[in-house]
């Protein structure tokens, strides 16, 4: 069974949580130490991707990379690849493969 796609609103919300650390200048980057593993776990649960979870972790743990909207980018990539995957599947069914 294929995992259900997360909503765009949820992905944007999770990216905003990652960016909130910029509001707290001294504490902000330290809080990323706590948010990075949580972000990676949530990413894996939502997208079932170890590579994506690793990228999400790295983006949160490294200083000054919080601006990258990892969850939203993953959502867009999944959304854009969806029609192509179903079109390929239909083509394979027509060709008997």
N, C-alpha and C. Protein backbone atom coordinates (compact mmCIF):
# COMPACT_ATOMS: atom_id res chain seq x y z
N UNK A 1 0.84 -1.19 0.00
CA UNK A 1 0.00 0.00 0.00
C UNK A 1 0.88 1.25 0.00
N UNK A 2 0.57 2.15 -0.88
CA UNK A 2 1.35 3.37 -1.03
C UNK A 2 0.94 4.38 0.06
N UNK A 3 1.93 5.05 0.68
CA UNK A 3 1.57 6.03 1.71
C UNK A 3 0.81 7.21 1.11
N UNK A 4 -0.13 7.74 1.88
CA UNK A 4 -0.91 8.89 1.44
C UNK A 4 -0.02 10.13 1.41
N UNK A 5 -0.22 10.96 0.40
CA UNK A 5 0.55 12.19 0.29
C UNK A 5 0.16 13.16 1.40
N UNK A 6 1.15 13.77 2.04
CA UNK A 6 0.83 14.80 3.05
C UNK A 6 0.28 16.04 2.35
N UNK A 7 -0.43 16.85 3.10
CA UNK A 7 -0.98 18.07 2.51
C UNK A 7 0.12 19.12 2.36
N UNK A 8 -0.09 19.99 1.40
CA UNK A 8 0.86 21.10 1.20
C UNK A 8 0.87 22.00 2.42
N UNK A 9 -0.29 22.22 3.01
CA UNK A 9 -0.38 23.08 4.19
C UNK A 9 0.47 22.53 5.33
N UNK A 10 0.43 21.23 5.55
CA UNK A 10 1.24 20.60 6.59
C UNK A 10 2.73 20.79 6.30
N UNK A 11 3.12 20.60 5.06
CA UNK A 11 4.54 20.75 4.69
C UNK A 11 5.02 22.18 4.89
N UNK A 12 4.21 23.15 4.50
CA UNK A 12 4.58 24.55 4.70
C UNK A 12 4.68 24.84 6.21
N UNK A 13 3.73 24.33 6.99
CA UNK A 13 3.75 24.52 8.44
C UNK A 13 5.03 23.96 9.05
N UNK A 14 5.43 22.77 8.63
CA UNK A 14 6.66 22.15 9.17
C UNK A 14 7.90 22.96 8.78
N UNK A 15 7.90 23.51 7.57
CA UNK A 15 9.02 24.38 7.17
C UNK A 15 9.05 25.66 8.00
N UNK A 16 7.88 26.19 8.32
CA UNK A 16 7.81 27.39 9.16
C UNK A 16 8.36 27.09 10.54
N UNK A 17 8.03 25.94 11.09
CA UNK A 17 8.58 25.55 12.40
C UNK A 17 10.11 25.55 12.35
N UNK A 18 10.67 25.02 11.27
CA UNK A 18 12.12 25.02 11.12
C UNK A 18 12.71 26.41 11.01
N UNK A 19 11.93 27.36 10.50
CA UNK A 19 12.41 28.74 10.34
C UNK A 19 12.20 29.59 11.58
N UNK A 20 11.40 29.13 12.50
CA UNK A 20 11.12 29.91 13.71
C UNK A 20 12.40 30.18 14.50
N UNK A 21 13.38 29.33 14.34
CA UNK A 21 14.62 29.52 15.09
C UNK A 21 15.31 30.83 14.74
N UNK A 22 15.01 31.42 13.59
CA UNK A 22 15.60 32.71 13.24
C UNK A 22 15.07 33.84 14.12
N UNK A 23 13.91 33.63 14.72
CA UNK A 23 13.32 34.64 15.59
C UNK A 23 14.11 34.76 16.89
N UNK A 24 14.69 33.67 17.33
CA UNK A 24 15.45 33.63 18.58
C UNK A 24 16.94 33.59 18.28
N UNK A 25 17.59 34.73 18.09
CA UNK A 25 18.98 34.77 17.63
C UNK A 25 19.97 33.91 18.42
N UNK A 26 20.02 34.03 19.70
CA UNK A 26 21.03 33.30 20.48
C UNK A 26 20.62 31.85 20.70
N UNK A 27 19.34 31.62 20.91
CA UNK A 27 18.85 30.28 21.22
C UNK A 27 18.49 29.51 19.95
N UNK A 28 18.26 30.23 18.87
CA UNK A 28 17.75 29.64 17.64
C UNK A 28 18.54 28.47 17.10
N UNK A 29 19.81 28.67 16.87
CA UNK A 29 20.61 27.59 16.29
C UNK A 29 20.77 26.42 17.27
N UNK A 30 20.75 26.70 18.55
CA UNK A 30 20.81 25.62 19.54
C UNK A 30 19.54 24.77 19.50
N UNK A 31 18.39 25.42 19.30
CA UNK A 31 17.14 24.66 19.25
C UNK A 31 17.09 23.74 18.03
N UNK A 32 17.88 24.05 17.01
CA UNK A 32 17.95 23.16 15.85
C UNK A 32 18.50 21.79 16.22
N UNK A 33 19.30 21.72 17.25
CA UNK A 33 19.82 20.43 17.71
C UNK A 33 18.67 19.53 18.15
N UNK A 34 17.64 20.14 18.71
CA UNK A 34 16.46 19.38 19.13
C UNK A 34 15.51 19.12 17.96
N UNK A 35 15.36 20.11 17.10
CA UNK A 35 14.40 19.99 16.00
C UNK A 35 14.90 19.09 14.87
N UNK A 36 16.19 19.02 14.63
CA UNK A 36 16.74 18.25 13.51
C UNK A 36 16.31 16.78 13.52
N UNK A 37 16.46 16.04 14.63
CA UNK A 37 16.03 14.64 14.60
C UNK A 37 14.51 14.51 14.50
N UNK A 38 13.79 15.42 15.13
CA UNK A 38 12.32 15.39 15.04
C UNK A 38 11.88 15.62 13.60
N UNK A 39 12.50 16.59 12.96
CA UNK A 39 12.21 16.89 11.56
C UNK A 39 12.50 15.69 10.66
N UNK A 40 13.61 15.02 10.90
CA UNK A 40 13.97 13.85 10.08
C UNK A 40 12.95 12.72 10.27
N UNK A 41 12.53 12.49 11.50
CA UNK A 41 11.55 11.43 11.77
C UNK A 41 10.21 11.76 11.10
N UNK A 42 9.77 13.00 11.24
CA UNK A 42 8.51 13.41 10.61
C UNK A 42 8.62 13.28 9.09
N UNK A 43 9.75 13.70 8.54
CA UNK A 43 9.95 13.61 7.09
C UNK A 43 9.84 12.15 6.63
N UNK A 44 10.51 11.26 7.36
CA UNK A 44 10.47 9.85 6.99
C UNK A 44 9.05 9.30 7.06
N UNK A 45 8.31 9.66 8.10
CA UNK A 45 6.93 9.18 8.26
C UNK A 45 6.03 9.71 7.15
N UNK A 46 6.24 10.95 6.74
CA UNK A 46 5.39 11.55 5.71
C UNK A 46 5.71 11.07 4.30
N UNK A 47 7.01 10.96 4.00
CA UNK A 47 7.43 10.68 2.63
C UNK A 47 8.07 9.30 2.43
N UNK A 48 8.29 8.58 3.52
CA UNK A 48 8.89 7.24 3.46
C UNK A 48 10.21 7.26 2.67
N UNK A 49 11.07 8.21 2.99
CA UNK A 49 12.33 8.37 2.28
C UNK A 49 13.47 8.57 3.27
N UNK A 50 14.39 7.62 3.29
CA UNK A 50 15.55 7.75 4.18
C UNK A 50 16.48 8.85 3.69
N UNK A 51 16.63 8.96 2.39
CA UNK A 51 17.49 10.01 1.83
C UNK A 51 16.90 11.38 2.16
N UNK A 52 15.61 11.55 1.96
CA UNK A 52 14.96 12.81 2.27
C UNK A 52 15.05 13.15 3.75
N UNK A 53 14.89 12.14 4.60
CA UNK A 53 14.99 12.36 6.05
C UNK A 53 16.41 12.79 6.41
N UNK A 54 17.39 12.21 5.77
CA UNK A 54 18.78 12.59 6.02
C UNK A 54 19.04 14.04 5.58
N UNK A 55 18.49 14.40 4.44
CA UNK A 55 18.63 15.78 3.95
C UNK A 55 17.92 16.74 4.90
N UNK A 56 16.74 16.36 5.36
CA UNK A 56 16.00 17.20 6.30
C UNK A 56 16.79 17.39 7.60
N UNK A 57 17.38 16.31 8.09
CA UNK A 57 18.21 16.39 9.30
C UNK A 57 19.40 17.33 9.07
N UNK A 58 20.09 17.14 7.96
CA UNK A 58 21.28 17.96 7.66
C UNK A 58 20.90 19.42 7.51
N UNK A 59 19.79 19.68 6.84
CA UNK A 59 19.35 21.07 6.63
C UNK A 59 19.05 21.76 7.96
N UNK A 60 18.53 21.03 8.91
CA UNK A 60 18.21 21.63 10.21
C UNK A 60 19.43 21.72 11.13
N UNK A 61 20.34 20.77 11.05
CA UNK A 61 21.46 20.72 12.00
C UNK A 61 22.58 21.71 11.62
N UNK A 62 22.78 21.94 10.31
CA UNK A 62 23.82 22.86 9.89
C UNK A 62 23.36 24.30 10.04
N UNK A 63 24.19 25.16 10.58
CA UNK A 63 23.79 26.56 10.79
C UNK A 63 23.47 27.28 9.48
N UNK A 64 22.48 28.14 9.55
CA UNK A 64 22.10 29.04 8.46
C UNK A 64 21.56 28.34 7.22
N UNK A 65 21.04 27.12 7.38
CA UNK A 65 20.42 26.42 6.24
C UNK A 65 18.92 26.24 6.46
N UNK A 66 18.39 26.81 7.52
CA UNK A 66 16.97 26.65 7.83
C UNK A 66 16.04 27.24 6.78
N UNK A 67 16.54 28.15 5.99
CA UNK A 67 15.68 28.81 5.00
C UNK A 67 15.24 27.86 3.88
N UNK A 68 15.88 26.72 3.74
CA UNK A 68 15.53 25.77 2.68
C UNK A 68 14.23 25.06 3.08
N UNK A 69 13.17 25.19 2.27
CA UNK A 69 11.90 24.57 2.61
C UNK A 69 11.85 23.08 2.21
N UNK A 70 12.52 22.26 2.97
CA UNK A 70 12.70 20.85 2.63
C UNK A 70 11.38 20.11 2.46
N UNK A 71 10.46 20.29 3.39
CA UNK A 71 9.17 19.59 3.31
C UNK A 71 8.38 20.03 2.08
N UNK A 72 8.38 21.32 1.81
CA UNK A 72 7.63 21.84 0.67
C UNK A 72 8.25 21.38 -0.65
N UNK A 73 9.55 21.37 -0.72
CA UNK A 73 10.23 20.87 -1.92
C UNK A 73 9.89 19.40 -2.15
N UNK A 74 9.90 18.62 -1.09
CA UNK A 74 9.56 17.19 -1.22
C UNK A 74 8.11 17.02 -1.69
N UNK A 75 7.22 17.86 -1.15
CA UNK A 75 5.82 17.78 -1.57
C UNK A 75 5.69 18.09 -3.07
N UNK A 76 6.37 19.16 -3.51
CA UNK A 76 6.30 19.56 -4.93
C UNK A 76 6.86 18.45 -5.81
N UNK A 77 7.99 17.89 -5.42
CA UNK A 77 8.59 16.81 -6.22
C UNK A 77 7.66 15.60 -6.31
N UNK A 78 7.03 15.25 -5.21
CA UNK A 78 6.10 14.12 -5.23
C UNK A 78 4.88 14.47 -6.07
N UNK A 79 4.37 15.68 -5.92
CA UNK A 79 3.18 16.11 -6.67
C UNK A 79 3.47 16.12 -8.17
N UNK A 80 4.64 16.62 -8.56
CA UNK A 80 4.98 16.68 -9.98
C UNK A 80 5.27 15.31 -10.58
N UNK A 81 5.77 14.40 -9.78
CA UNK A 81 6.10 13.08 -10.30
C UNK A 81 4.90 12.16 -10.36
N UNK A 82 3.83 12.51 -9.70
CA UNK A 82 2.64 11.65 -9.63
C UNK A 82 2.01 11.39 -11.00
N UNK A 83 1.67 12.42 -11.79
CA UNK A 83 1.05 12.15 -13.09
C UNK A 83 1.95 11.37 -14.03
N UNK A 84 3.23 11.64 -13.98
CA UNK A 84 4.17 10.95 -14.85
C UNK A 84 4.22 9.47 -14.50
N UNK A 85 4.22 9.14 -13.23
CA UNK A 85 4.26 7.74 -12.81
C UNK A 85 3.01 7.01 -13.25
N UNK A 86 1.84 7.63 -13.13
CA UNK A 86 0.61 6.96 -13.54
C UNK A 86 0.54 6.85 -15.06
N UNK A 87 1.08 7.83 -15.78
CA UNK A 87 1.10 7.75 -17.24
C UNK A 87 2.01 6.62 -17.70
N UNK A 88 3.16 6.46 -17.04
CA UNK A 88 4.06 5.35 -17.38
C UNK A 88 3.40 4.01 -17.08
N UNK A 89 2.66 3.93 -16.00
CA UNK A 89 1.99 2.69 -15.64
C UNK A 89 0.93 2.34 -16.68
N UNK A 90 0.17 3.35 -17.13
CA UNK A 90 -0.84 3.11 -18.16
C UNK A 90 -0.19 2.66 -19.46
N UNK A 91 0.94 3.26 -19.81
CA UNK A 91 1.66 2.89 -21.02
C UNK A 91 2.14 1.46 -20.93
N UNK A 92 2.64 1.08 -19.76
CA UNK A 92 3.12 -0.29 -19.55
C UNK A 92 1.97 -1.28 -19.66
N UNK A 93 0.81 -0.93 -19.14
CA UNK A 93 -0.34 -1.81 -19.22
C UNK A 93 -0.80 -1.99 -20.67
N UNK A 94 -0.75 -0.91 -21.45
CA UNK A 94 -1.15 -0.99 -22.86
C UNK A 94 -0.18 -1.86 -23.65
N UNK A 95 1.10 -1.80 -23.31
CA UNK A 95 2.10 -2.57 -24.03
C UNK A 95 2.21 -4.00 -23.51
N UNK A 96 1.51 -4.31 -22.43
CA UNK A 96 1.52 -5.66 -21.90
C UNK A 96 2.69 -5.95 -20.99
N UNK A 97 3.37 -4.95 -20.51
CA UNK A 97 4.53 -5.14 -19.61
C UNK A 97 4.13 -4.88 -18.18
